[in-house]
């Protein structure tokens, strides 16, 4: 769930819980609003955690001269390491 989806769920839940004065016999809209607000908060927290996750790039360049031909050889490698 992304950050935007969490905010959307929270807003829809707040509208259902606080702004709507409709009585429906088969569902409690206030309870659904509170459940959507909790789901939105969880989505916002997960979105922030995923945004702040750090990644480290590792790039290595090695240059040497081939003794047989005298040509310069460059070897490049790159990768990502997760810090978490």
PDB file of N, CA and C in Angstrom:
ATOM      1  N   UNK A   1       0.858  -1.169   0.000  1.00  0.00           N
ATOM      2  CA  UNK A   1       0.000   0.000   0.000  1.00  0.00           C
ATOM      3  C   UNK A   1       0.905   1.232   0.000  1.00  0.00           C
ATOM      4  N   UNK A   2       0.574   2.147  -0.836  1.00  0.00           N
ATOM      5  CA  UNK A   2       1.398   3.347  -0.922  1.00  0.00           C
ATOM      6  C   UNK A   2       0.920   4.411   0.058  1.00  0.00           C
ATOM      7  N   UNK A   3       1.691   5.442   0.128  1.00  0.00           N
ATOM      8  CA  UNK A   3       1.376   6.551   1.027  1.00  0.00           C
ATOM      9  C   UNK A   3       0.073   7.236   0.626  1.00  0.00           C
ATOM     10  N   UNK A   4      -0.132   7.416  -0.652  1.00  0.00           N
ATOM     11  CA  UNK A   4      -1.353   8.064  -1.136  1.00  0.00           C
ATOM     12  C   UNK A   4      -2.604   7.245  -0.840  1.00  0.00           C
ATOM     13  N   UNK A   5      -2.499   5.929  -0.961  1.00  0.00           N
ATOM     14  CA  UNK A   5      -3.646   5.073  -0.657  1.00  0.00           C
ATOM     15  C   UNK A   5      -3.983   5.126   0.828  1.00  0.00           C
ATOM     16  N   UNK A   6      -2.971   5.206   1.679  1.00  0.00           N
ATOM     17  CA  UNK A   6      -3.222   5.330   3.115  1.00  0.00           C
ATOM     18  C   UNK A   6      -3.928   6.630   3.465  1.00  0.00           C
ATOM     19  N   UNK A   7      -3.498   7.708   2.836  1.00  0.00           N
ATOM     20  CA  UNK A   7      -4.153   9.002   3.072  1.00  0.00           C
ATOM     21  C   UNK A   7      -5.595   8.971   2.561  1.00  0.00           C
ATOM     22  N   UNK A   8      -5.803   8.345   1.404  1.00  0.00           N
ATOM     23  CA  UNK A   8      -7.147   8.229   0.841  1.00  0.00           C
ATOM     24  C   UNK A   8      -8.063   7.444   1.781  1.00  0.00           C
ATOM     25  N   UNK A   9      -7.594   6.307   2.293  1.00  0.00           N
ATOM     26  CA  UNK A   9      -8.399   5.516   3.224  1.00  0.00           C
ATOM     27  C   UNK A   9      -8.727   6.304   4.486  1.00  0.00           C
ATOM     28  N   UNK A  10      -7.752   7.049   4.994  1.00  0.00           N
ATOM     29  CA  UNK A  10      -7.980   7.830   6.202  1.00  0.00           C
ATOM     30  C   UNK A  10      -9.047   8.902   5.970  1.00  0.00           C
ATOM     31  N   UNK A  11      -8.977   9.572   4.832  1.00  0.00           N
ATOM     32  CA  UNK A  11      -9.941  10.644   4.537  1.00  0.00           C
ATOM     33  C   UNK A  11     -11.344  10.069   4.359  1.00  0.00           C
ATOM     34  N   UNK A  12     -11.470   8.980   3.613  1.00  0.00           N
ATOM     35  CA  UNK A  12     -12.783   8.360   3.426  1.00  0.00           C
ATOM     36  C   UNK A  12     -13.328   7.875   4.769  1.00  0.00           C
ATOM     37  N   UNK A  13     -12.463   7.298   5.611  1.00  0.00           N
ATOM     38  CA  UNK A  13     -12.902   6.860   6.928  1.00  0.00           C
ATOM     39  C   UNK A  13     -13.352   8.009   7.808  1.00  0.00           C
ATOM     40  N   UNK A  14     -12.653   9.127   7.745  1.00  0.00           N
ATOM     41  CA  UNK A  14     -13.044  10.294   8.541  1.00  0.00           C
ATOM     42  C   UNK A  14     -14.376  10.858   8.067  1.00  0.00           C
ATOM     43  N   UNK A  15     -14.600  10.849   6.769  1.00  0.00           N
ATOM     44  CA  UNK A  15     -15.887  11.318   6.254  1.00  0.00           C
ATOM     45  C   UNK A  15     -17.009  10.409   6.735  1.00  0.00           C
ATOM     46  N   UNK A  16     -16.795   9.101   6.662  1.00  0.00           N
ATOM     47  CA  UNK A  16     -17.836   8.173   7.114  1.00  0.00           C
ATOM     48  C   UNK A  16     -18.073   8.275   8.617  1.00  0.00           C
ATOM     49  N   UNK A  17     -17.012   8.471   9.392  1.00  0.00           N
ATOM     50  CA  UNK A  17     -17.149   8.463  10.848  1.00  0.00           C
ATOM     51  C   UNK A  17     -17.713   9.773  11.393  1.00  0.00           C
ATOM     52  N   UNK A  18     -17.340  10.900  10.792  1.00  0.00           N
ATOM     53  CA  UNK A  18     -17.678  12.183  11.410  1.00  0.00           C
ATOM     54  C   UNK A  18     -18.647  13.043  10.608  1.00  0.00           C
ATOM     55  N   UNK A  19     -18.651  12.955   9.297  1.00  0.00           N
ATOM     56  CA  UNK A  19     -19.416  13.906   8.503  1.00  0.00           C
ATOM     57  C   UNK A  19     -20.748  13.365   8.010  1.00  0.00           C
ATOM     58  N   UNK A  20     -20.914  12.075   8.010  1.00  0.00           N
ATOM     59  CA  UNK A  20     -22.140  11.494   7.481  1.00  0.00           C
ATOM     60  C   UNK A  20     -23.143  11.262   8.601  1.00  0.00           C
ATOM     61  N   UNK A  21     -24.362  11.670   8.389  1.00  0.00           N
ATOM     62  CA  UNK A  21     -25.436  11.440   9.354  1.00  0.00           C
ATOM     63  C   UNK A  21     -26.518  10.567   8.740  1.00  0.00           C
ATOM     64  N   UNK A  22     -26.118   9.491   8.105  1.00  0.00           N
ATOM     65  CA  UNK A  22     -27.052   8.575   7.450  1.00  0.00           C
ATOM     66  C   UNK A  22     -27.152   7.316   8.299  1.00  0.00           C
ATOM     67  N   UNK A  23     -28.351   6.875   8.551  1.00  0.00           N
ATOM     68  CA  UNK A  23     -28.581   5.654   9.306  1.00  0.00           C
ATOM     69  C   UNK A  23     -28.946   4.534   8.335  1.00  0.00           C
ATOM     70  N   UNK A  24     -28.132   3.505   8.308  1.00  0.00           N
ATOM     71  CA  UNK A  24     -28.387   2.334   7.482  1.00  0.00           C
ATOM     72  C   UNK A  24     -28.580   1.164   8.429  1.00  0.00           C
ATOM     73  N   UNK A  25     -29.606   0.368   8.195  1.00  0.00           N
ATOM     74  CA  UNK A  25     -29.931  -0.700   9.148  1.00  0.00           C
ATOM     75  C   UNK A  25     -28.977  -1.887   9.060  1.00  0.00           C
ATOM     76  N   UNK A  26     -28.400  -2.149   7.915  1.00  0.00           N
ATOM     77  CA  UNK A  26     -27.591  -3.344   7.743  1.00  0.00           C
ATOM     78  C   UNK A  26     -26.102  -3.116   7.959  1.00  0.00           C
ATOM     79  N   UNK A  27     -25.655  -1.880   8.180  1.00  0.00           N
ATOM     80  CA  UNK A  27     -24.227  -1.614   8.417  1.00  0.00           C
ATOM     81  C   UNK A  27     -24.087  -0.357   9.271  1.00  0.00           C
ATOM     82  N   UNK A  28     -23.097  -0.375  10.126  1.00  0.00           N
ATOM     83  CA  UNK A  28     -22.796   0.787  10.963  1.00  0.00           C
ATOM     84  C   UNK A  28     -21.703   1.603  10.265  1.00  0.00           C
ATOM     85  N   UNK A  29     -22.082   2.713   9.653  1.00  0.00           N
ATOM     86  CA  UNK A  29     -21.132   3.510   8.876  1.00  0.00           C
ATOM     87  C   UNK A  29     -20.057   4.156   9.747  1.00  0.00           C
ATOM     88  N   UNK A  30     -20.376   4.453  10.990  1.00  0.00           N
ATOM     89  CA  UNK A  30     -19.374   5.026  11.885  1.00  0.00           C
ATOM     90  C   UNK A  30     -18.272   4.010  12.172  1.00  0.00           C
ATOM     91  N   UNK A  31     -18.645   2.752  12.390  1.00  0.00           N
ATOM     92  CA  UNK A  31     -17.649   1.708  12.631  1.00  0.00           C
ATOM     93  C   UNK A  31     -16.800   1.464  11.392  1.00  0.00           C
ATOM     94  N   UNK A  32     -17.419   1.453  10.233  1.00  0.00           N
ATOM     95  CA  UNK A  32     -16.662   1.292   8.985  1.00  0.00           C
ATOM     96  C   UNK A  32     -15.700   2.458   8.802  1.00  0.00           C
ATOM     97  N   UNK A  33     -16.128   3.645   9.155  1.00  0.00           N
ATOM     98  CA  UNK A  33     -15.244   4.805   9.067  1.00  0.00           C
ATOM     99  C   UNK A  33     -14.036   4.678   9.971  1.00  0.00           C
ATOM    100  N   UNK A  34     -14.264   4.222  11.209  1.00  0.00           N
ATOM    101  CA  UNK A  34     -13.135   4.038  12.130  1.00  0.00           C
ATOM    102  C   UNK A  34     -12.184   2.944  11.630  1.00  0.00           C
ATOM    103  N   UNK A  35     -12.732   1.875  11.079  1.00  0.00           N
ATOM    104  CA  UNK A  35     -11.882   0.801  10.544  1.00  0.00           C
ATOM    105  C   UNK A  35     -11.056   1.312   9.372  1.00  0.00           C
ATOM    106  N   UNK A  36     -11.656   2.096   8.488  1.00  0.00           N
ATOM    107  CA  UNK A  36     -10.905   2.662   7.364  1.00  0.00           C
ATOM    108  C   UNK A  36      -9.844   3.654   7.833  1.00  0.00           C
ATOM    109  N   UNK A  37     -10.126   4.389   8.899  1.00  0.00           N
ATOM    110  CA  UNK A  37      -9.124   5.320   9.431  1.00  0.00           C
ATOM    111  C   UNK A  37      -7.926   4.552   9.996  1.00  0.00           C
ATOM    112  N   UNK A  38      -8.171   3.466  10.690  1.00  0.00           N
ATOM    113  CA  UNK A  38      -7.066   2.654  11.222  1.00  0.00           C
ATOM    114  C   UNK A  38      -6.264   2.041  10.079  1.00  0.00           C
ATOM    115  N   UNK A  39      -6.959   1.529   9.053  1.00  0.00           N
ATOM    116  CA  UNK A  39      -6.253   0.976   7.896  1.00  0.00           C
ATOM    117  C   UNK A  39      -5.443   2.062   7.187  1.00  0.00           C
ATOM    118  N   UNK A  40      -5.963   3.265   7.120  1.00  0.00           N
ATOM    119  CA  UNK A  40      -5.226   4.365   6.515  1.00  0.00           C
ATOM    120  C   UNK A  40      -3.979   4.735   7.283  1.00  0.00           C
ATOM    121  N   UNK A  41      -4.079   4.745   8.625  1.00  0.00           N
ATOM    122  CA  UNK A  41      -2.900   5.049   9.450  1.00  0.00           C
ATOM    123  C   UNK A  41      -1.831   3.973   9.260  1.00  0.00           C
ATOM    124  N   UNK A  42      -2.260   2.707   9.218  1.00  0.00           N
ATOM    125  CA  UNK A  42      -1.291   1.619   8.986  1.00  0.00           C
ATOM    126  C   UNK A  42      -0.647   1.775   7.614  1.00  0.00           C
ATOM    127  N   UNK A  43      -1.443   2.130   6.603  1.00  0.00           N
ATOM    128  CA  UNK A  43      -0.892   2.349   5.265  1.00  0.00           C
ATOM    129  C   UNK A  43       0.067   3.521   5.207  1.00  0.00           C
ATOM    130  N   UNK A  44      -0.240   4.589   5.926  1.00  0.00           N
ATOM    131  CA  UNK A  44       0.666   5.746   5.960  1.00  0.00           C
ATOM    132  C   UNK A  44       1.987   5.374   6.630  1.00  0.00           C
ATOM    133  N   UNK A  45       1.909   4.643   7.727  1.00  0.00           N
ATOM    134  CA  UNK A  45       3.138   4.234   8.421  1.00  0.00           C
ATOM    135  C   UNK A  45       3.980   3.322   7.537  1.00  0.00           C
ATOM    136  N   UNK A  46       3.342   2.352   6.871  1.00  0.00           N
ATOM    137  CA  UNK A  46       4.092   1.470   5.967  1.00  0.00           C
ATOM    138  C   UNK A  46       4.674   2.247   4.792  1.00  0.00           C
ATOM    139  N   UNK A  47       3.937   3.218   4.269  1.00  0.00           N
ATOM    140  CA  UNK A  47       4.459   4.032   3.177  1.00  0.00           C
ATOM    141  C   UNK A  47       5.668   4.841   3.585  1.00  0.00           C
ATOM    142  N   UNK A  48       5.641   5.392   4.797  1.00  0.00           N
ATOM    143  CA  UNK A  48       6.793   6.162   5.288  1.00  0.00           C
ATOM    144  C   UNK A  48       7.986   5.250   5.505  1.00  0.00           C
ATOM    145  N   UNK A  49       7.738   4.065   6.035  1.00  0.00           N
ATOM    146  CA  UNK A  49       8.843   3.115   6.247  1.00  0.00           C
ATOM    147  C   UNK A  49       9.474   2.738   4.914  1.00  0.00           C
ATOM    148  N   UNK A  50       8.661   2.482   3.906  1.00  0.00           N
ATOM    149  CA  UNK A  50       9.202   2.112   2.600  1.00  0.00           C
ATOM    150  C   UNK A  50       9.927   3.279   1.929  1.00  0.00           C
ATOM    151  N   UNK A  51       9.478   4.499   2.180  1.00  0.00           N
ATOM    152  CA  UNK A  51      10.166   5.651   1.598  1.00  0.00           C
ATOM    153  C   UNK A  51      11.514   5.926   2.243  1.00  0.00           C
ATOM    154  N   UNK A  52      11.612   5.651   3.537  1.00  0.00           N
ATOM    155  CA  UNK A  52      12.856   5.972   4.240  1.00  0.00           C
ATOM    156  C   UNK A  52      13.863   4.840   4.224  1.00  0.00           C
ATOM    157  N   UNK A  53      13.493   3.729   3.584  1.00  0.00           N
ATOM    158  CA  UNK A  53      14.427   2.614   3.504  1.00  0.00           C
ATOM    159  C   UNK A  53      15.631   3.037   2.674  1.00  0.00           C
ATOM    160  N   UNK A  54      16.791   2.835   3.201  1.00  0.00           N
ATOM    161  CA  UNK A  54      18.011   3.284   2.522  1.00  0.00           C
ATOM    162  C   UNK A  54      18.626   2.144   1.732  1.00  0.00           C
ATOM    163  N   UNK A  55      19.156   2.506   0.594  1.00  0.00           N
ATOM    164  CA  UNK A  55      19.901   1.544  -0.216  1.00  0.00           C
ATOM    165  C   UNK A  55      21.280   2.129  -0.497  1.00  0.00           C
ATOM    166  N   UNK A  56      22.250   1.252  -0.527  1.00  0.00           N
ATOM    167  CA  UNK A  56      23.618   1.678  -0.770  1.00  0.00           C
ATOM    168  C   UNK A  56      24.074   1.064  -2.082  1.00  0.00           C
ATOM    169  N   UNK A  57      24.614   1.887  -2.956  1.00  0.00           N
ATOM    170  CA  UNK A  57      25.166   1.411  -4.215  1.00  0.00           C
ATOM    171  C   UNK A  57      26.658   1.191  -4.063  1.00  0.00           C
ATOM    172  N   UNK A  58      27.118   0.101  -4.617  1.00  0.00           N
ATOM    173  CA  UNK A  58      28.535  -0.212  -4.587  1.00  0.00           C
ATOM    174  C   UNK A  58      29.007  -0.289  -6.033  1.00  0.00           C
ATOM    175  N   UNK A  59      29.966   0.531  -6.385  1.00  0.00           N
ATOM    176  CA  UNK A  59      30.539   0.513  -7.728  1.00  0.00           C
ATOM    177  C   UNK A  59      32.052   0.362  -7.608  1.00  0.00           C
ATOM    178  N   UNK A  60      32.592  -0.605  -8.327  1.00  0.00           N
ATOM    179  CA  UNK A  60      34.028  -0.871  -8.276  1.00  0.00           C
ATOM    180  C   UNK A  60      34.585  -0.785  -9.688  1.00  0.00           C
ATOM    181  N   UNK A  61      35.652  -0.024  -9.846  1.00  0.00           N
ATOM    182  CA  UNK A  61      36.330   0.083 -11.134  1.00  0.00           C
ATOM    183  C   UNK A  61      37.776  -0.326 -10.943  1.00  0.00           C
ATOM    184  N   UNK A  62      38.223  -1.257 -11.781  1.00  0.00           N
ATOM    185  CA  UNK A  62      39.602  -1.740 -11.690  1.00  0.00           C
ATOM    186  C   UNK A  62      40.226  -1.605 -13.078  1.00  0.00           C
ATOM    187  N   UNK A  63      41.341  -0.898 -13.151  1.00  0.00           N
ATOM    188  CA  UNK A  63      42.046  -0.700 -14.414  1.00  0.00           C
ATOM    189  C   UNK A  63      43.419  -1.339 -14.306  1.00  0.00           C
ATOM    190  N   UNK A  64      43.758  -2.115 -15.329  1.00  0.00           N
ATOM    191  CA  UNK A  64      45.078  -2.751 -15.362  1.00  0.00           C
ATOM    192  C   UNK A  64      45.526  -2.839 -16.813  1.00  0.00           C
ATOM    193  N   UNK A  65      46.801  -3.157 -16.999  1.00  0.00           N
ATOM    194  CA  UNK A  65      47.373  -3.288 -18.336  1.00  0.00           C
ATOM    195  C   UNK A  65      47.656  -4.767 -18.573  1.00  0.00           C
ATOM    196  N   UNK A  66      47.163  -5.268 -19.712  1.00  0.00           N
ATOM    197  CA  UNK A  66      47.399  -6.665 -20.069  1.00  0.00           C
ATOM    198  C   UNK A  66      48.858  -6.818 -20.484  1.00  0.00           C
ATOM    199  N   UNK A  67      49.633  -7.667 -19.790  1.00  0.00           N
ATOM    200  CA  UNK A  67      51.066  -7.770 -20.107  1.00  0.00           C
ATOM    201  C   UNK A  67      51.338  -8.380 -21.478  1.00  0.00           C
ATOM    202  N   UNK A  68      50.439  -9.193 -21.999  1.00  0.00           N
ATOM    203  CA  UNK A  68      50.698  -9.843 -23.285  1.00  0.00           C
ATOM    204  C   UNK A  68      50.501  -8.877 -24.450  1.00  0.00           C
ATOM    205  N   UNK A  69      49.449  -8.077 -24.417  1.00  0.00           N
ATOM    206  CA  UNK A  69      49.154  -7.203 -25.550  1.00  0.00           C
ATOM    207  C   UNK A  69      49.459  -5.736 -25.274  1.00  0.00           C
ATOM    208  N   UNK A  70      49.587  -5.352 -24.020  1.00  0.00           N
ATOM    209  CA  UNK A  70      49.831  -3.962 -23.670  1.00  0.00           C
ATOM    210  C   UNK A  70      48.570  -3.122 -23.656  1.00  0.00           C
ATOM    211  N   UNK A  71      47.417  -3.748 -23.800  1.00  0.00           N
ATOM    212  CA  UNK A  71      46.150  -3.018 -23.797  1.00  0.00           C
ATOM    213  C   UNK A  71      45.709  -2.727 -22.371  1.00  0.00           C
ATOM    214  N   UNK A  72      45.018  -1.609 -22.234  1.00  0.00           N
ATOM    215  CA  UNK A  72      44.452  -1.238 -20.930  1.00  0.00           C
ATOM    216  C   UNK A  72      43.098  -1.933 -20.785  1.00  0.00           C
ATOM    217  N   UNK A  73      42.908  -2.607 -19.654  1.00  0.00           N
ATOM    218  CA  UNK A  73      41.680  -3.346 -19.387  1.00  0.00           C
ATOM    219  C   UNK A  73      40.986  -2.680 -18.200  1.00  0.00           C
ATOM    220  N   UNK A  74      39.722  -2.302 -18.396  1.00  0.00           N
ATOM    221  CA  UNK A  74      38.932  -1.697 -17.325  1.00  0.00           C
ATOM    222  C   UNK A  74      37.778  -2.633 -16.995  1.00  0.00           C
ATOM    223  N   UNK A  75      37.663  -2.962 -15.739  1.00  0.00           N
ATOM    224  CA  UNK A  75      36.607  -3.855 -15.273  1.00  0.00           C
ATOM    225  C   UNK A  75      35.726  -3.093 -14.290  1.00  0.00           C
ATOM    226  N   UNK A  76      34.433  -3.023 -14.600  1.00  0.00           N
ATOM    227  CA  UNK A  76      33.502  -2.297 -13.747  1.00  0.00           C
ATOM    228  C   UNK A  76      32.433  -3.261 -13.242  1.00  0.00           C
ATOM    229  N   UNK A  77      32.159  -3.180 -11.956  1.00  0.00           N
ATOM    230  CA  UNK A  77      31.075  -3.955 -11.353  1.00  0.00           C
ATOM    231  C   UNK A  77      30.260  -3.020 -10.471  1.00  0.00           C
ATOM    232  N   UNK A  78      28.970  -3.281 -10.414  1.00  0.00           N
ATOM    233  CA  UNK A  78      28.115  -2.474  -9.549  1.00  0.00           C
ATOM    234  C   UNK A  78      27.037  -3.367  -8.958  1.00  0.00           C
ATOM    235  N   UNK A  79      26.514  -2.955  -7.828  1.00  0.00           N
ATOM    236  CA  UNK A  79      25.462  -3.717  -7.165  1.00  0.00           C
ATOM    237  C   UNK A  79      24.834  -2.878  -6.087  1.00  0.00           C
ATOM    238  N   UNK A  80      23.779  -3.428  -5.472  1.00  0.00           N
ATOM    239  CA  UNK A  80      23.081  -2.739  -4.389  1.00  0.00           C
ATOM    240  C   UNK A  80      23.076  -3.624  -3.173  1.00  0.00           C
ATOM    241  N   UNK A  81      23.299  -3.014  -2.023  1.00  0.00           N
ATOM    242  CA  UNK A  81      23.192  -3.700  -0.750  1.00  0.00           C
ATOM    243  C   UNK A  81      22.100  -3.040   0.054  1.00  0.00           C
ATOM    244  N   UNK A  82      21.253  -3.831   0.682  1.00  0.00           N
ATOM    245  CA  UNK A  82      20.250  -3.300   1.579  1.00  0.00           C
ATOM    246  C   UNK A  82      20.850  -3.156   2.959  1.00  0.00           C
ATOM    247  N   UNK A  83      20.601  -2.020   3.599  1.00  0.00           N
ATOM    248  CA  UNK A  83      21.092  -1.807   4.953  1.00  0.00           C
ATOM    249  C   UNK A  83      20.130  -2.379   5.987  1.00  0.00           C
ATOM    250  N   UNK A  84      18.939  -2.697   5.571  1.00  0.00           N
ATOM    251  CA  UNK A  84      17.951  -3.221   6.525  1.00  0.00           C
ATOM    252  C   UNK A  84      18.068  -4.715   6.592  1.00  0.00           C
TER     253      UNK A  84
END
